[in-house]
């Protein structure tokens, strides 16, 4: 019994010793692990700086969002400024790692910093940021009599495309403007039955409020139908209600022109194959202007015009030059929008009519009278032109200018 007890005591002692040894190995492993995975200070880059307002006062709790990019991989992180507006970033990087910033702070315009920086291992760089307060535009929208216009749509560039509407008193306010993002701040005011208002190059300054009062002018909406003399719709007809207010008719001949200045205006309608229609009308505000347009067929009722040219045919006898005949040329033209010349006819000494197909030579004294005329495609026939060589008279449209011909 005594020996057994001694053996048990010995075993317990060994167990305690082994447990103690194992605990030491575990603690050593933990310590060793911490040392082996610690960041190498030589591979870290430090970026620090300060965030202030335009007057140089520090901005506390500003958020510095930054993106690290290396070989196509991107990591996004953020830090905040302390009570003195300072911030510090410590990152393990590879050479040529890119870093970019976005700075946000309550009551200030977000700075989407345009510069990108390249970091190297162990590098320290200083980057300061300056934030400014947003601008504001306020004002009223009225008609020409001073009456407020409610529910007018007001849009300002730099307001992130968030339009606002005027209240029942015609007042509006657009806040949060970033004048640095777009220094050419412009305003648009849109309301039904009024002409669109536009104004650019507003003198907006950081953190300041600009007053822009807008007066809208009345607008008329014009509609109607374009038909021919038989009442059939004319599609594709061009309708103009003054200036650039132009549209074309649809398949049913209908047209609609939105926002035309009110008052006395001229409205026109035209289409291929028709005569242009013009009428003076009075436009009133709103969609209360219906004007139908009747187009007449552009019938060709004007005959063509034929002119001649005579080129002398000469001969020399005993050293003297005399004219023994002429080369007779004709030139026929139709009006600009006419149907075109179909044929030109001529006859000599009252003989049969012949079709003119090119220059004709005739000789004295055989030729006494030459007559000619032209007909267009629409059937309009020109009055006879007559050349009387015996009496030295001419009836017709005269000569045409042309080249000289040597015969």
Protein backbone atom coordinates (compact mmCIF):
# COMPACT_ATOMS: atom_id res chain seq x y z
CA UNK A 1 0.00 0.00 0.00
CA UNK A 2 2.79 2.41 0.83
CA UNK A 3 4.61 1.70 -2.43
CA UNK A 4 1.41 2.22 -4.47
CA UNK A 5 0.80 5.57 -2.83
CA UNK A 6 4.32 6.69 -3.60
CA UNK A 7 3.89 5.75 -7.25
CA UNK A 8 0.69 7.76 -7.53
CA UNK A 9 2.33 10.82 -5.99
CA UNK A 10 5.19 10.52 -8.47
CA UNK A 11 2.74 10.33 -11.44
CA UNK A 12 0.86 13.42 -10.25
CA UNK A 13 4.10 15.37 -10.02
CA UNK A 14 4.99 14.46 -13.63
CA UNK A 15 1.55 15.46 -14.86
CA UNK A 16 1.89 18.86 -13.17
CA UNK A 17 5.34 19.33 -14.66
CA UNK A 18 4.14 18.44 -18.17
CA UNK A 19 1.15 20.78 -17.89
CA UNK A 20 3.37 23.63 -16.79
CA UNK A 21 5.74 22.97 -19.67
CA UNK A 22 2.85 22.91 -22.20
CA UNK A 23 1.55 26.23 -20.87
CA UNK A 24 4.98 27.77 -21.34
CA UNK A 25 5.09 26.54 -24.94
CA UNK A 26 1.63 28.01 -25.61
CA UNK A 27 2.58 31.40 -24.16
CA UNK A 28 5.80 31.39 -26.10
CA UNK A 29 3.93 30.52 -29.30
CA UNK A 30 1.53 33.39 -28.80
CA UNK A 31 4.36 35.82 -28.21
CA UNK A 32 6.30 34.47 -31.16
CA UNK A 33 3.23 34.67 -33.39
CA UNK A 34 2.71 38.35 -32.53
CA UNK A 35 6.26 39.20 -33.41
CA UNK A 36 6.30 37.34 -36.72
CA UNK A 37 3.15 39.08 -38.13
CA UNK A 38 3.81 42.67 -37.03
CA UNK A 39 3.84 45.24 -39.93
CA UNK A 40 7.22 46.23 -41.18
CA UNK A 41 7.52 49.99 -40.48
CA UNK A 42 9.76 50.41 -43.52
CA UNK A 43 6.87 49.40 -45.87
CA UNK A 44 4.39 51.89 -44.40
CA UNK A 45 3.48 55.24 -45.95
CA UNK A 46 2.19 58.10 -43.86
CA UNK A 47 -0.29 60.65 -45.17
CA UNK A 48 -1.24 63.50 -42.89
CA UNK A 49 -2.64 66.98 -43.11
CA UNK A 50 -5.33 69.38 -42.00
CA UNK A 51 -8.89 70.23 -43.04
CA UNK A 52 -9.88 73.91 -42.75
CA UNK A 53 -12.54 76.28 -44.04
CA UNK A 54 -11.88 79.19 -46.42
CA UNK A 55 -10.86 81.41 -43.49
CA UNK A 56 -8.35 78.86 -42.23
CA UNK A 57 -10.35 77.65 -39.22
CA UNK A 58 -9.97 73.91 -38.50
CA UNK A 59 -12.92 71.61 -39.17
CA UNK A 60 -13.40 68.93 -36.51
CA UNK A 61 -14.89 65.49 -37.27
CA UNK A 62 -14.46 65.86 -41.02
CA UNK A 63 -14.46 62.44 -42.71
CA UNK A 64 -11.49 61.66 -44.93
CA UNK A 65 -12.50 58.85 -47.25
CA UNK A 66 -9.59 57.41 -49.17
CA UNK A 67 -9.12 54.70 -51.76
CA UNK A 68 -5.94 52.68 -52.21
CA UNK A 69 -5.38 51.09 -55.62
CA UNK A 70 -2.60 48.74 -56.58
CA UNK A 71 -2.48 46.44 -59.62
CA UNK A 72 -6.24 46.58 -60.14
CA UNK A 73 -7.20 45.96 -56.53
CA UNK A 74 -8.91 48.74 -54.57
CA UNK A 75 -9.41 49.22 -50.84
CA UNK A 76 -11.60 51.94 -49.33
CA UNK A 77 -11.11 53.28 -45.81
CA UNK A 78 -11.76 56.45 -43.81
CA UNK A 79 -10.48 58.49 -40.87
CA UNK A 80 -11.76 61.57 -39.06
CA UNK A 81 -10.09 64.83 -38.15
CA UNK A 82 -9.39 65.64 -34.51
CA UNK A 83 -10.28 68.79 -32.59
CA UNK A 84 -7.61 70.76 -34.43
CA UNK A 85 -8.69 69.55 -37.89
CA UNK A 86 -5.69 67.25 -38.27
CA UNK A 87 -5.76 63.70 -39.60
CA UNK A 88 -3.21 60.94 -40.08
CA UNK A 89 -3.20 57.82 -42.23
CA UNK A 90 -0.66 55.00 -41.86
CA UNK A 91 -0.80 52.27 -44.50
CA UNK A 92 1.44 49.42 -45.61
CA UNK A 93 1.87 49.92 -49.35
CA UNK A 94 3.81 48.79 -52.36
CA UNK A 95 5.63 51.28 -54.54
CA UNK A 96 3.31 53.18 -56.95
CA UNK A 97 0.18 52.56 -54.90
CA UNK A 98 -2.46 55.17 -55.82
CA UNK A 99 -4.46 57.05 -53.21
CA UNK A 100 -7.39 59.43 -53.78
CA UNK A 101 -9.66 61.31 -51.38
CA UNK A 102 -13.23 62.45 -50.76
CA UNK A 103 -13.70 64.85 -47.85
CA UNK A 104 -17.07 65.29 -46.14
CA UNK A 105 -18.11 67.52 -43.26
CA UNK A 106 -21.49 68.62 -42.01
CA UNK A 107 -22.42 72.07 -43.31
CA UNK A 108 -19.82 72.03 -46.10
CA UNK A 109 -19.73 71.05 -49.76
CA UNK A 110 -18.22 67.61 -50.31
CA UNK A 111 -14.74 67.86 -51.77
CA UNK A 112 -14.22 65.19 -54.41
CA UNK A 113 -10.50 65.79 -54.54
CA UNK A 114 -9.35 65.71 -58.14
CA UNK A 115 -5.70 64.89 -57.44
CA UNK A 116 -4.38 61.35 -57.24
CA UNK A 117 -1.17 60.66 -55.31
CA UNK A 118 1.32 57.83 -55.76
CA UNK A 119 2.78 56.31 -52.62
CA UNK A 120 6.05 54.52 -52.01
CA UNK A 121 7.22 52.38 -49.10
CA UNK A 122 8.29 54.50 -46.14
CA UNK A 123 7.11 57.76 -47.78
CA UNK A 124 5.55 60.62 -45.81
CA UNK A 125 3.37 63.19 -47.60
CA UNK A 126 1.37 66.19 -46.44
CA UNK A 127 -2.07 66.80 -48.00
CA UNK A 128 -4.25 69.63 -46.70
CA UNK A 129 -7.88 70.19 -47.67
CA UNK A 130 -9.98 73.34 -47.75
CA UNK A 131 -13.77 73.09 -47.57
CA UNK A 132 -16.31 75.81 -48.25
CA UNK A 133 -19.93 76.26 -47.35
CA UNK A 134 -22.60 75.73 -50.04
CA UNK A 135 -24.21 78.63 -51.89
CA UNK A 136 -27.93 79.42 -51.95
CA UNK A 137 -30.23 81.05 -54.51
CA UNK A 138 -33.62 82.41 -53.44
CA UNK A 139 -36.21 84.54 -55.17
CA UNK A 140 -39.72 84.80 -56.54
CA UNK A 141 -41.43 83.93 -59.82
CA UNK A 142 -44.18 86.25 -61.09
CA UNK A 143 -45.98 87.09 -64.32
CA UNK A 144 -45.71 90.44 -66.09
CA UNK A 145 -48.40 91.94 -63.86
CA UNK A 146 -46.53 90.96 -60.69
CA UNK A 147 -48.86 88.08 -59.84
CA UNK A 148 -47.02 85.16 -58.18
CA UNK A 149 -46.81 81.91 -60.13
CA UNK A 150 -47.09 78.84 -57.87
CA UNK A 151 -45.72 75.38 -58.75
CA UNK A 152 -43.20 76.76 -61.25
CA UNK A 153 -40.30 74.34 -61.70
CA UNK A 154 -36.92 75.89 -60.82
CA UNK A 155 -33.69 74.12 -61.73
CA UNK A 156 -30.17 75.34 -61.03
CA UNK A 157 -26.91 73.80 -62.26
CA UNK A 158 -24.77 72.54 -59.42
CA UNK A 159 -27.84 71.46 -57.40
CA UNK A 160 -27.36 67.79 -58.30
CA UNK A 161 -30.30 67.98 -60.71
CA UNK A 162 -32.81 68.35 -57.90
CA UNK A 163 -35.40 70.88 -59.16
CA UNK A 164 -37.65 72.69 -56.70
CA UNK A 165 -41.11 74.22 -57.09
CA UNK A 166 -42.34 77.64 -56.10
CA UNK A 167 -44.83 77.88 -53.24
CA UNK A 168 -48.24 79.55 -53.39
CA UNK A 169 -46.56 82.97 -53.11
CA UNK A 170 -44.23 82.14 -56.00
CA UNK A 171 -41.18 81.89 -53.76
CA UNK A 172 -38.38 79.36 -54.10
CA UNK A 173 -35.03 78.45 -52.53
CA UNK A 174 -32.25 76.30 -53.95
CA UNK A 175 -29.56 75.30 -51.46
CA UNK A 176 -26.43 73.19 -51.43
CA UNK A 177 -24.92 74.71 -54.56
CA UNK A 178 -21.34 73.77 -55.36
CA UNK A 179 -20.08 76.78 -57.31
CA UNK A 180 -16.59 75.31 -57.63
CA UNK A 181 -17.93 72.20 -59.38
CA UNK A 182 -19.59 74.40 -62.02
CA UNK A 183 -18.69 78.10 -61.77
CA UNK A 184 -21.10 78.96 -64.62
CA UNK A 185 -24.22 78.55 -62.50
CA UNK A 186 -27.42 78.86 -64.58
CA UNK A 187 -31.12 78.86 -63.68
CA UNK A 188 -34.16 77.57 -65.61
CA UNK A 189 -37.75 78.34 -64.67
CA UNK A 190 -40.53 76.32 -66.29
CA UNK A 191 -44.28 76.84 -65.91
CA UNK A 192 -47.18 75.82 -68.13
CA UNK A 193 -48.58 78.60 -70.34
CA UNK A 194 -45.41 80.69 -69.93
CA UNK A 195 -42.24 80.98 -71.99
CA UNK A 196 -39.27 79.05 -70.63
CA UNK A 197 -36.91 81.31 -68.65
CA UNK A 198 -33.14 80.83 -68.81
CA UNK A 199 -30.32 82.85 -67.26
CA UNK A 200 -26.68 81.85 -66.95
CA UNK A 201 -23.46 83.23 -65.47
CA UNK A 202 -25.04 83.98 -62.12
CA UNK A 203 -22.64 85.63 -59.70
CA UNK A 204 -22.72 82.86 -57.10
CA UNK A 205 -20.12 82.93 -54.31
CA UNK A 206 -19.16 80.33 -51.74
CA UNK A 207 -21.36 80.37 -48.66
CA UNK A 208 -23.36 83.36 -49.92
CA UNK A 209 -27.06 83.76 -50.77
CA UNK A 210 -28.00 85.23 -54.15
CA UNK A 211 -31.45 86.68 -54.87
CA UNK A 212 -32.82 86.01 -58.37
CA UNK A 213 -36.37 87.24 -59.04
CA UNK A 214 -37.87 85.94 -62.28
CA UNK A 215 -40.63 87.45 -64.44
CA UNK A 216 -42.22 85.02 -66.91
CA UNK A 217 -43.91 86.09 -70.15
CA UNK A 218 -47.14 84.57 -71.42
CA UNK A 219 -47.01 81.72 -73.92
CA UNK A 220 -49.56 80.40 -76.41
CA UNK A 221 -49.89 76.80 -77.57
CA UNK A 222 -50.91 76.57 -81.22
CA UNK A 223 -52.58 73.62 -82.90
CA UNK A 224 -54.56 72.87 -86.04
CA UNK A 225 -54.79 70.82 -89.22
CA UNK A 226 -53.30 71.25 -92.68
CA UNK A 227 -55.50 70.09 -95.57
CA UNK A 228 -55.68 70.52 -99.34
CA UNK A 229 -58.52 72.22 -101.21
CA UNK A 230 -60.53 68.98 -101.13
CA UNK A 231 -60.18 68.70 -97.36
CA UNK A 232 -57.68 65.86 -97.46
CA UNK A 233 -54.95 65.96 -94.77
CA UNK A 234 -51.47 66.96 -95.88
CA UNK A 235 -48.84 65.02 -93.93
CA UNK A 236 -45.29 66.28 -93.57
CA UNK A 237 -46.32 69.88 -94.12
CA UNK A 238 -44.09 72.48 -92.46
CA UNK A 239 -45.88 74.92 -90.14
CA UNK A 240 -44.18 77.99 -88.70
CA UNK A 241 -45.70 80.22 -86.01
CA UNK A 242 -42.89 82.78 -85.98
CA UNK A 243 -39.15 82.60 -85.37
CA UNK A 244 -37.97 79.09 -84.53
CA UNK A 245 -41.48 77.88 -83.63
CA UNK A 246 -41.69 75.26 -86.37
CA UNK A 247 -43.11 71.75 -86.64
CA UNK A 248 -44.39 69.28 -89.25
CA UNK A 249 -47.81 67.68 -89.55
CA UNK A 250 -48.45 64.03 -88.71
CA UNK A 251 -50.13 61.43 -90.93
CA UNK A 252 -53.53 63.02 -90.23
CA UNK A 253 -52.28 66.52 -91.07
CA UNK A 254 -52.37 67.66 -87.43
CA UNK A 255 -49.77 69.92 -85.88
CA UNK A 256 -49.02 71.30 -82.41
CA UNK A 257 -46.53 74.02 -81.47
CA UNK A 258 -45.89 74.61 -77.79
CA UNK A 259 -44.94 77.95 -76.25
CA UNK A 260 -45.20 80.71 -78.79
CA UNK A 261 -45.16 84.37 -77.69
CA UNK A 262 -48.66 85.82 -77.47
CA UNK A 263 -49.89 88.68 -79.65
CA UNK A 264 -50.23 89.24 -83.38
CA UNK A 265 -48.12 86.81 -85.34
CA UNK A 266 -47.83 85.29 -88.81
CA UNK A 267 -48.45 81.58 -89.28
CA UNK A 268 -47.37 79.82 -92.46
CA UNK A 269 -47.85 76.38 -93.95
CA UNK A 270 -46.07 74.81 -96.89
CA UNK A 271 -45.52 71.42 -98.47
CA UNK A 272 -44.02 70.01 -101.65
CA UNK A 273 -46.39 70.45 -104.58
CA UNK A 274 -48.42 73.17 -102.84
CA UNK A 275 -48.36 76.94 -102.74
CA UNK A 276 -47.21 78.48 -99.45
CA UNK A 277 -50.04 79.68 -97.20
CA UNK A 278 -49.61 82.76 -95.00
CA UNK A 279 -52.08 84.30 -92.56
CA UNK A 280 -51.92 86.87 -89.76
CA UNK A 281 -53.38 85.66 -86.46
CA UNK A 282 -53.55 86.65 -82.81
CA UNK A 283 -52.23 84.21 -80.20
CA UNK A 284 -53.66 84.23 -76.67
CA UNK A 285 -52.19 82.64 -73.54
CA UNK A 286 -52.70 78.92 -73.09
CA UNK A 287 -54.00 76.16 -75.32
CA UNK A 288 -56.74 78.24 -76.97
CA UNK A 289 -55.26 78.76 -80.43
CA UNK A 290 -56.55 76.52 -83.22
CA UNK A 291 -55.73 77.50 -86.79
CA UNK A 292 -56.42 75.22 -89.74
CA UNK A 293 -54.43 75.76 -92.92
CA UNK A 294 -55.63 75.07 -96.48
CA UNK A 295 -52.92 74.52 -99.08
CA UNK A 296 -53.57 75.01 -102.78
CA UNK A 297 -51.95 72.85 -105.42
CA UNK A 298 -48.90 74.49 -106.93
CA UNK A 299 -50.30 74.34 -110.49
CA UNK A 300 -47.91 75.39 -113.25
CA UNK A 301 -49.74 78.04 -115.28
CA UNK A 302 -46.72 79.92 -116.57
CA UNK A 303 -45.37 79.07 -120.04
CA UNK A 304 -41.66 78.68 -120.67
CA UNK A 305 -39.49 81.40 -122.21
CA UNK A 306 -37.44 80.87 -125.37
CA UNK A 307 -34.59 83.15 -126.43
CA UNK A 308 -32.43 83.10 -129.55
CA UNK A 309 -28.86 83.69 -130.59
CA UNK A 310 -27.65 84.35 -134.15
CA UNK A 311 -24.03 83.73 -135.07
CA UNK A 312 -23.10 85.19 -138.49
CA UNK A 313 -21.75 82.93 -141.22
CA UNK A 314 -19.30 85.02 -143.25
CA UNK A 315 -17.48 84.74 -146.55
CA UNK A 316 -14.76 86.79 -148.28
CA UNK A 317 -15.08 87.89 -151.91
CA UNK A 318 -12.51 90.13 -153.58
CA UNK A 319 -11.04 90.91 -150.18
CA UNK A 320 -14.36 91.93 -148.68
CA UNK A 321 -16.19 90.13 -145.88
CA UNK A 322 -19.92 89.72 -146.14
CA UNK A 323 -22.58 87.80 -144.19
CA UNK A 324 -24.15 85.01 -146.17
CA UNK A 325 -26.22 83.41 -143.39
CA UNK A 326 -26.59 82.60 -139.70
CA UNK A 327 -26.26 79.78 -137.23
CA UNK A 328 -29.55 79.85 -135.34
CA UNK A 329 -29.57 78.73 -131.70
CA UNK A 330 -32.46 78.58 -129.19
CA UNK A 331 -32.52 78.32 -125.40
CA UNK A 332 -35.77 77.58 -123.49
CA UNK A 333 -36.26 77.83 -119.71
CA UNK A 334 -39.20 77.25 -117.36
CA UNK A 335 -39.89 78.97 -114.03
CA UNK A 336 -38.00 77.76 -110.94
CA UNK A 337 -40.84 75.59 -109.63
CA UNK A 338 -42.31 74.94 -113.07
CA UNK A 339 -42.98 71.58 -114.62
CA UNK A 340 -40.05 71.89 -117.02
CA UNK A 341 -39.62 72.42 -120.76
CA UNK A 342 -41.10 69.64 -122.88
CA UNK A 343 -40.44 70.72 -126.50
CA UNK A 344 -39.22 73.68 -128.55
CA UNK A 345 -40.59 74.14 -132.10
CA UNK A 346 -39.51 76.39 -134.99
CA UNK A 347 -40.46 77.00 -138.62
CA UNK A 348 -38.99 78.96 -141.49
CA UNK A 349 -40.99 81.07 -143.94
CA UNK A 350 -44.31 79.77 -142.58
CA UNK A 351 -43.52 76.14 -143.32
CA UNK A 352 -44.12 73.06 -141.16
CA UNK A 353 -43.17 73.16 -137.50
CA UNK A 354 -40.05 71.22 -136.62
CA UNK A 355 -38.64 70.17 -133.26
CA UNK A 356 -35.53 72.09 -132.30
CA UNK A 357 -32.76 69.62 -131.52
CA UNK A 358 -29.68 71.76 -132.05
CA UNK A 359 -28.19 74.68 -133.98
CA UNK A 360 -29.74 75.33 -137.41
CA UNK A 361 -27.96 77.03 -140.33
CA UNK A 362 -29.86 79.10 -142.84
CA UNK A 363 -28.72 81.38 -145.64
CA UNK A 364 -29.87 84.64 -147.16
CA UNK A 365 -31.87 85.47 -149.17
CA UNK A 366 -33.69 82.12 -148.78
CA UNK A 367 -34.86 82.82 -145.21
CA UNK A 368 -37.25 85.71 -144.70
CA UNK A 369 -39.19 84.83 -141.50
CA UNK A 370 -38.31 82.54 -138.57
CA UNK A 371 -40.84 81.65 -135.83
CA UNK A 372 -40.37 79.55 -132.69
CA UNK A 373 -41.97 78.70 -129.31
CA UNK A 374 -41.71 76.22 -126.43
CA UNK A 375 -44.20 74.13 -124.42
CA UNK A 376 -43.73 72.89 -120.83
CA UNK A 377 -44.71 69.55 -119.31
CA UNK A 378 -47.89 71.07 -117.84
CA UNK A 379 -49.01 72.01 -121.36
CA UNK A 380 -48.42 75.74 -121.13
CA UNK A 381 -47.50 77.04 -124.57
CA UNK A 382 -45.44 80.11 -125.17
CA UNK A 383 -46.60 82.85 -127.53
CA UNK A 384 -44.85 82.70 -130.91
CA UNK A 385 -41.53 84.52 -131.21
CA UNK A 386 -41.09 86.00 -134.71
CA UNK A 387 -37.99 87.24 -136.58
CA UNK A 388 -38.77 89.16 -139.80
CA UNK A 389 -35.55 89.61 -141.77
CA UNK A 390 -37.27 91.46 -144.63
CA UNK A 391 -38.70 94.23 -142.46
CA UNK A 392 -36.00 94.02 -139.80
CA UNK A 393 -38.46 93.46 -136.92
CA UNK A 394 -38.58 91.04 -133.99
CA UNK A 395 -41.39 89.95 -131.67
CA UNK A 396 -40.52 87.82 -128.64
CA UNK A 397 -38.24 87.32 -125.64
CA UNK A 398 -34.95 88.52 -127.12
CA UNK A 399 -31.48 87.00 -127.15
CA UNK A 400 -29.58 84.95 -124.61
CA UNK A 401 -25.98 85.33 -123.53
CA UNK A 402 -23.70 82.55 -124.62
CA UNK A 403 -20.37 81.54 -125.99
CA UNK A 404 -19.02 82.71 -129.32
CA UNK A 405 -19.08 80.11 -132.06
CA UNK A 406 -16.75 79.90 -135.02
CA UNK A 407 -18.45 78.43 -138.07
